[in-house]
Amino acid sequence: MRKLTYLAPLALAMALTGCGEATEGEGAATSGEALETVEAPAGQKWSDTVSVTEAGGYVMGNPDAPIKLVEYMSITCSHCATFGEQAFDSIRDTYVNSGRVSFEVRNFVRDPLDLSAAILSQCGGEAPYFPLTKQALNNQGPMFEKAQAMGDEKYNQILQMDAKTRFVVLAEELGLISFFQQRGISEDQAKACLADEAKAEALMAQTKTAVDEFNIQGTPTFLLNGQIVEGTNWPTVETKLQEAGAR
């Protein structure tokens, strides 16, 4: 099993660096005919259908949707938070609920802060993952303030703790346990998830796979039907969805 090599002591500033710049760009999707909507099962919305993928991501929507949008996302990435604010409701309500588009988020963990928040966002299972992730992105400011107040020395001391302890203590210092507790994840549940070494290893392995398979270098990065979208803002991504037939 691949070890968490980055858990050696790090300067706290490294965990607070910015993510990839939001860019304009032309995507790889080609224009196609408008696709018909697909009705969800009776009494349901497609956005209520959430499952874990083989890649370790969480996918919302019609499992057989012809248009598959994937976002590589870091909870400590400001551009990811901006994209979520601009795009999430539209992706869910306009595109996913049409049955033509599925939306998968794959956590791309950049630092121990990100890893702690990612573990907790997945701690409640499939159904609450998307709302918890969106709220965690919106919590960046308070989380970073607590991280800066912690200081490098304490931060590095925490990372030297036992593997079953370090993320529990780090999440407590960041206010994440209480944050997620207010959103339905009990304190005991949160601590059990944070102490799960296999979960942390899996998230790190997924990040390595993203780099190895798709050369993902920053967040957010989007795939549309397996092809990287050359742009990271919502207008660009939405244009590509529509060109692919989601209109």
Protein backbone atom coordinates (compact mmCIF):
# COMPACT_ATOMS: atom_id res chain seq x y z
CA MET A 1 0.00 0.00 0.00
CA ARG A 2 1.31 3.43 -0.94
CA LYS A 3 2.30 5.45 2.12
CA LEU A 4 1.36 9.05 2.78
CA THR A 5 4.81 10.38 2.05
CA TYR A 6 3.72 13.99 2.26
CA LEU A 7 2.80 13.61 5.92
CA ALA A 8 6.33 14.38 6.95
CA PRO A 9 6.47 17.83 8.59
CA LEU A 10 5.60 20.59 6.15
CA ALA A 11 5.54 24.35 6.43
CA LEU A 12 1.96 25.40 7.05
CA ALA A 13 2.23 27.92 4.23
CA MET A 14 2.52 25.02 1.80
CA ALA A 15 -0.97 23.92 2.79
CA LEU A 16 -2.38 27.38 2.15
CA THR A 17 -1.02 27.97 -1.33
CA GLY A 18 -3.41 28.77 -4.16
CA CYS A 19 -4.73 26.25 -6.60
CA GLY A 20 -4.71 26.43 -10.39
CA GLU A 21 -5.76 29.68 -12.00
CA ALA A 22 -9.25 29.86 -13.45
CA THR A 23 -8.84 30.06 -17.22
CA GLU A 24 -10.83 30.53 -20.35
CA GLY A 25 -10.41 27.94 -23.05
CA GLU A 26 -11.83 25.77 -25.75
CA GLY A 27 -12.73 22.24 -24.67
CA ALA A 28 -12.28 18.96 -26.45
CA ALA A 29 -15.97 18.10 -26.84
CA THR A 30 -17.44 18.32 -30.32
CA SER A 31 -20.80 19.82 -31.18
CA GLY A 32 -23.57 17.27 -31.43
CA GLU A 33 -27.31 17.04 -31.82
CA ALA A 34 -29.44 18.06 -28.87
CA LEU A 35 -30.19 14.99 -26.76
CA GLU A 36 -33.60 14.04 -25.46
CA THR A 37 -34.25 14.30 -21.74
CA VAL A 38 -34.50 11.05 -19.79
CA GLU A 39 -37.17 10.74 -17.13
CA ALA A 40 -36.07 9.68 -13.65
CA PRO A 41 -37.84 6.80 -11.91
CA ALA A 42 -41.29 7.73 -10.66
CA GLY A 43 -41.25 10.03 -7.65
CA GLN A 44 -37.52 10.73 -7.90
CA LYS A 45 -35.10 13.23 -9.35
CA TRP A 46 -31.90 12.11 -11.03
CA SER A 47 -29.97 14.31 -8.58
CA ASP A 48 -31.17 11.99 -5.79
CA THR A 49 -29.19 9.14 -7.37
CA VAL A 50 -25.63 9.21 -5.98
CA SER A 51 -23.10 6.39 -6.00
CA VAL A 52 -19.38 5.77 -5.61
CA THR A 53 -17.50 5.09 -8.83
CA GLU A 54 -14.66 2.68 -9.53
CA ALA A 55 -12.34 5.72 -9.58
CA GLY A 56 -13.36 6.56 -6.01
CA GLY A 57 -15.42 9.59 -7.00
CA TYR A 58 -19.04 10.34 -6.20
CA VAL A 59 -21.37 10.54 -9.17
CA MET A 60 -24.79 12.16 -9.24
CA GLY A 61 -27.41 11.42 -11.85
CA ASN A 62 -28.51 8.93 -14.45
CA PRO A 63 -25.97 6.06 -14.46
CA ASP A 64 -26.53 5.72 -18.22
CA ALA A 65 -26.34 9.45 -19.01
CA PRO A 66 -24.68 9.94 -22.41
CA ILE A 67 -22.77 13.00 -21.19
CA LYS A 68 -20.42 12.41 -18.27
CA LEU A 69 -18.85 15.42 -16.54
CA VAL A 70 -16.06 14.79 -14.02
CA GLU A 71 -14.50 17.42 -11.78
CA TYR A 72 -11.19 16.94 -10.01
CA MET A 73 -11.67 19.15 -6.96
CA SER A 74 -9.73 20.19 -3.85
CA ILE A 75 -11.59 21.48 -0.82
CA THR A 76 -8.72 23.91 -0.12
CA CYS A 77 -8.86 25.35 -3.67
CA SER A 78 -10.42 28.81 -3.92
CA HIS A 79 -11.21 28.37 -7.62
CA CYS A 80 -13.08 25.16 -6.79
CA ALA A 81 -15.15 27.08 -4.26
CA THR A 82 -15.91 29.77 -6.85
CA PHE A 83 -16.91 27.16 -9.42
CA GLY A 84 -19.18 25.46 -6.89
CA GLU A 85 -20.93 28.72 -6.09
CA GLN A 86 -21.44 29.56 -9.75
CA ALA A 87 -22.21 26.14 -11.14
CA PHE A 88 -23.47 23.55 -8.69
CA ASP A 89 -27.16 24.46 -8.67
CA SER A 90 -27.26 24.71 -12.46
CA ILE A 91 -25.41 21.44 -12.95
CA ARG A 92 -27.81 19.67 -10.58
CA ASP A 93 -31.11 21.28 -11.58
CA THR A 94 -30.66 21.94 -15.30
CA TYR A 95 -28.27 19.26 -16.49
CA VAL A 96 -28.27 16.29 -14.09
CA ASN A 97 -32.03 16.32 -13.57
CA SER A 98 -32.52 16.23 -17.35
CA GLY A 99 -31.08 12.71 -17.32
CA ARG A 100 -28.65 13.69 -20.08
CA VAL A 101 -25.68 14.50 -17.81
CA SER A 102 -24.07 12.76 -14.86
CA PHE A 103 -21.74 14.74 -12.62
CA GLU A 104 -18.87 13.09 -10.77
CA VAL A 105 -16.58 14.75 -8.25
CA ARG A 106 -13.20 13.18 -7.53
CA ASN A 107 -11.28 14.56 -4.57
CA PHE A 108 -7.77 15.62 -5.57
CA VAL A 109 -6.08 16.07 -2.21
CA ARG A 110 -3.32 18.68 -2.14
CA ASP A 111 -2.36 18.89 1.53
CA PRO A 112 -3.28 17.57 5.01
CA LEU A 113 -5.98 20.23 5.48
CA ASP A 114 -7.60 19.16 2.23
CA LEU A 115 -7.28 15.49 3.14
CA SER A 116 -8.93 16.01 6.53
CA ALA A 117 -11.88 17.86 4.98
CA ALA A 118 -12.18 15.30 2.16
CA ILE A 119 -12.35 12.42 4.63
CA LEU A 120 -15.13 14.15 6.55
CA SER A 121 -17.06 15.05 3.40
CA GLN A 122 -17.20 11.32 2.58
CA CYS A 123 -17.85 10.19 6.15
CA GLY A 124 -21.64 10.21 5.85
CA GLY A 125 -21.71 8.05 2.74
CA GLU A 126 -23.21 8.74 -0.64
CA ALA A 127 -26.37 10.77 -0.04
CA PRO A 128 -24.87 13.76 1.83
CA TYR A 129 -21.58 13.91 -0.07
CA PHE A 130 -22.45 16.69 -2.51
CA PRO A 131 -24.08 19.09 -0.01
CA LEU A 132 -21.31 18.46 2.53
CA THR A 133 -18.62 19.12 -0.07
CA LYS A 134 -20.28 22.34 -1.19
CA GLN A 135 -20.55 23.56 2.40
CA ALA A 136 -16.94 22.56 3.12
CA LEU A 137 -15.79 24.63 0.14
CA ASN A 138 -17.72 27.59 1.52
CA ASN A 139 -15.93 27.10 4.86
CA GLN A 140 -12.46 27.79 3.44
CA GLY A 141 -12.11 31.21 5.09
CA PRO A 142 -12.75 30.08 8.70
CA MET A 143 -10.66 26.93 8.14
CA PHE A 144 -7.68 28.91 6.83
CA GLU A 145 -7.94 31.42 9.68
CA LYS A 146 -7.72 28.60 12.22
CA ALA A 147 -4.84 27.03 10.28
CA GLN A 148 -2.87 30.27 10.31
CA ALA A 149 -3.54 30.76 14.00
CA MET A 150 -2.17 27.28 14.65
CA GLY A 151 1.29 28.18 13.34
CA ASP A 152 3.97 26.06 11.70
CA GLU A 153 5.38 24.51 14.87
CA LYS A 154 2.08 23.09 16.11
CA TYR A 155 1.09 22.04 12.62
CA ASN A 156 4.29 20.06 12.15
CA GLN A 157 3.95 18.50 15.59
CA ILE A 158 0.48 17.26 14.65
CA LEU A 159 1.75 15.70 11.43
CA GLN A 160 4.34 13.75 13.42
CA MET A 161 1.65 12.09 15.54
CA ASP A 162 0.49 8.52 15.16
CA ALA A 163 -1.39 7.88 11.91
CA LYS A 164 -4.65 7.19 13.76
CA THR A 165 -4.37 10.45 15.68
CA ARG A 166 -2.94 13.13 13.43
CA PHE A 167 -6.04 13.86 11.33
CA VAL A 168 -8.32 13.78 14.35
CA VAL A 169 -6.22 16.40 16.09
CA LEU A 170 -5.74 18.45 12.92
CA ALA A 171 -9.49 18.47 12.23
CA GLU A 172 -10.17 19.56 15.81
CA GLU A 173 -7.72 22.44 15.45
CA LEU A 174 -9.34 23.47 12.17
CA GLY A 175 -12.85 23.37 13.64
CA LEU A 176 -13.84 20.71 11.12
CA ILE A 177 -15.25 18.17 13.57
CA SER A 178 -17.70 20.68 15.01
CA PHE A 179 -18.44 22.02 11.49
CA PHE A 180 -19.44 18.58 10.19
CA GLN A 181 -21.16 17.69 13.47
CA GLN A 182 -23.54 20.58 12.85
CA ARG A 183 -24.30 18.98 9.48
CA GLY A 184 -25.17 15.49 10.64
CA ILE A 185 -21.80 13.76 11.18
CA SER A 186 -21.51 12.85 14.84
CA GLU A 187 -18.27 13.52 16.73
CA ASP A 188 -17.64 9.79 17.20
CA GLN A 189 -18.36 9.12 13.52
CA ALA A 190 -16.04 11.92 12.42
CA LYS A 191 -13.19 10.74 14.63
CA ALA A 192 -13.58 7.15 13.42
CA CYS A 193 -13.38 8.29 9.79
CA LEU A 194 -10.35 10.48 10.47
CA ALA A 195 -8.57 7.58 12.22
CA ASP A 196 -9.14 5.26 9.24
CA GLU A 197 -5.68 4.91 7.69
CA ALA A 198 -7.05 2.97 4.72
CA LYS A 199 -9.37 5.85 3.81
CA ALA A 200 -6.53 8.36 3.83
CA GLU A 201 -4.38 6.04 1.76
CA ALA A 202 -7.19 5.53 -0.76
CA LEU A 203 -7.66 9.27 -1.25
CA MET A 204 -3.93 9.74 -1.80
CA ALA A 205 -3.85 6.83 -4.23
CA GLN A 206 -6.74 8.34 -6.19
CA THR A 207 -4.84 11.61 -6.45
CA LYS A 208 -1.76 9.79 -7.74
CA THR A 209 -3.92 7.97 -10.29
CA ALA A 210 -5.31 11.30 -11.51
CA VAL A 211 -1.79 12.56 -12.11
CA ASP A 212 -0.62 9.35 -13.74
CA GLU A 213 -3.65 8.79 -16.01
CA PHE A 214 -4.75 12.32 -16.90
CA ASN A 215 -1.74 14.45 -15.93
CA ILE A 216 -3.94 16.47 -13.58
CA GLN A 217 -1.77 19.29 -12.27
CA GLY A 218 -4.26 21.64 -10.66
CA THR A 219 -7.84 22.06 -9.56
CA PRO A 220 -10.46 22.33 -10.72
CA THR A 221 -9.88 20.20 -13.81
CA PHE A 222 -12.77 18.79 -15.80
CA LEU A 223 -13.25 15.76 -18.01
CA LEU A 224 -16.13 15.58 -20.45
CA ASN A 225 -16.71 12.04 -21.68
CA GLY A 226 -13.11 11.25 -20.79
CA GLN A 227 -11.52 14.28 -22.46
CA ILE A 228 -9.96 17.18 -20.55
CA VAL A 229 -11.83 20.47 -20.91
CA GLU A 230 -9.37 23.27 -21.65
CA GLY A 231 -10.95 25.74 -19.28
CA THR A 232 -11.92 25.84 -15.62
CA ASN A 233 -14.74 28.34 -15.33
CA TRP A 234 -18.46 27.64 -15.50
CA PRO A 235 -19.22 29.50 -18.78
CA THR A 236 -16.61 27.38 -20.57
CA VAL A 237 -17.77 24.11 -19.01
CA GLU A 238 -21.44 24.90 -19.67
CA THR A 239 -20.67 25.68 -23.31
CA LYS A 240 -19.02 22.30 -23.68
CA LEU A 241 -22.00 20.55 -22.08
CA GLN A 242 -24.31 22.21 -24.55
CA GLU A 243 -22.05 21.43 -27.49
CA ALA A 244 -22.16 17.80 -26.42
CA GLY A 245 -25.97 17.84 -26.67
CA ALA A 246 -27.19 18.96 -23.24
CA ARG A 247 -29.47 21.69 -24.56
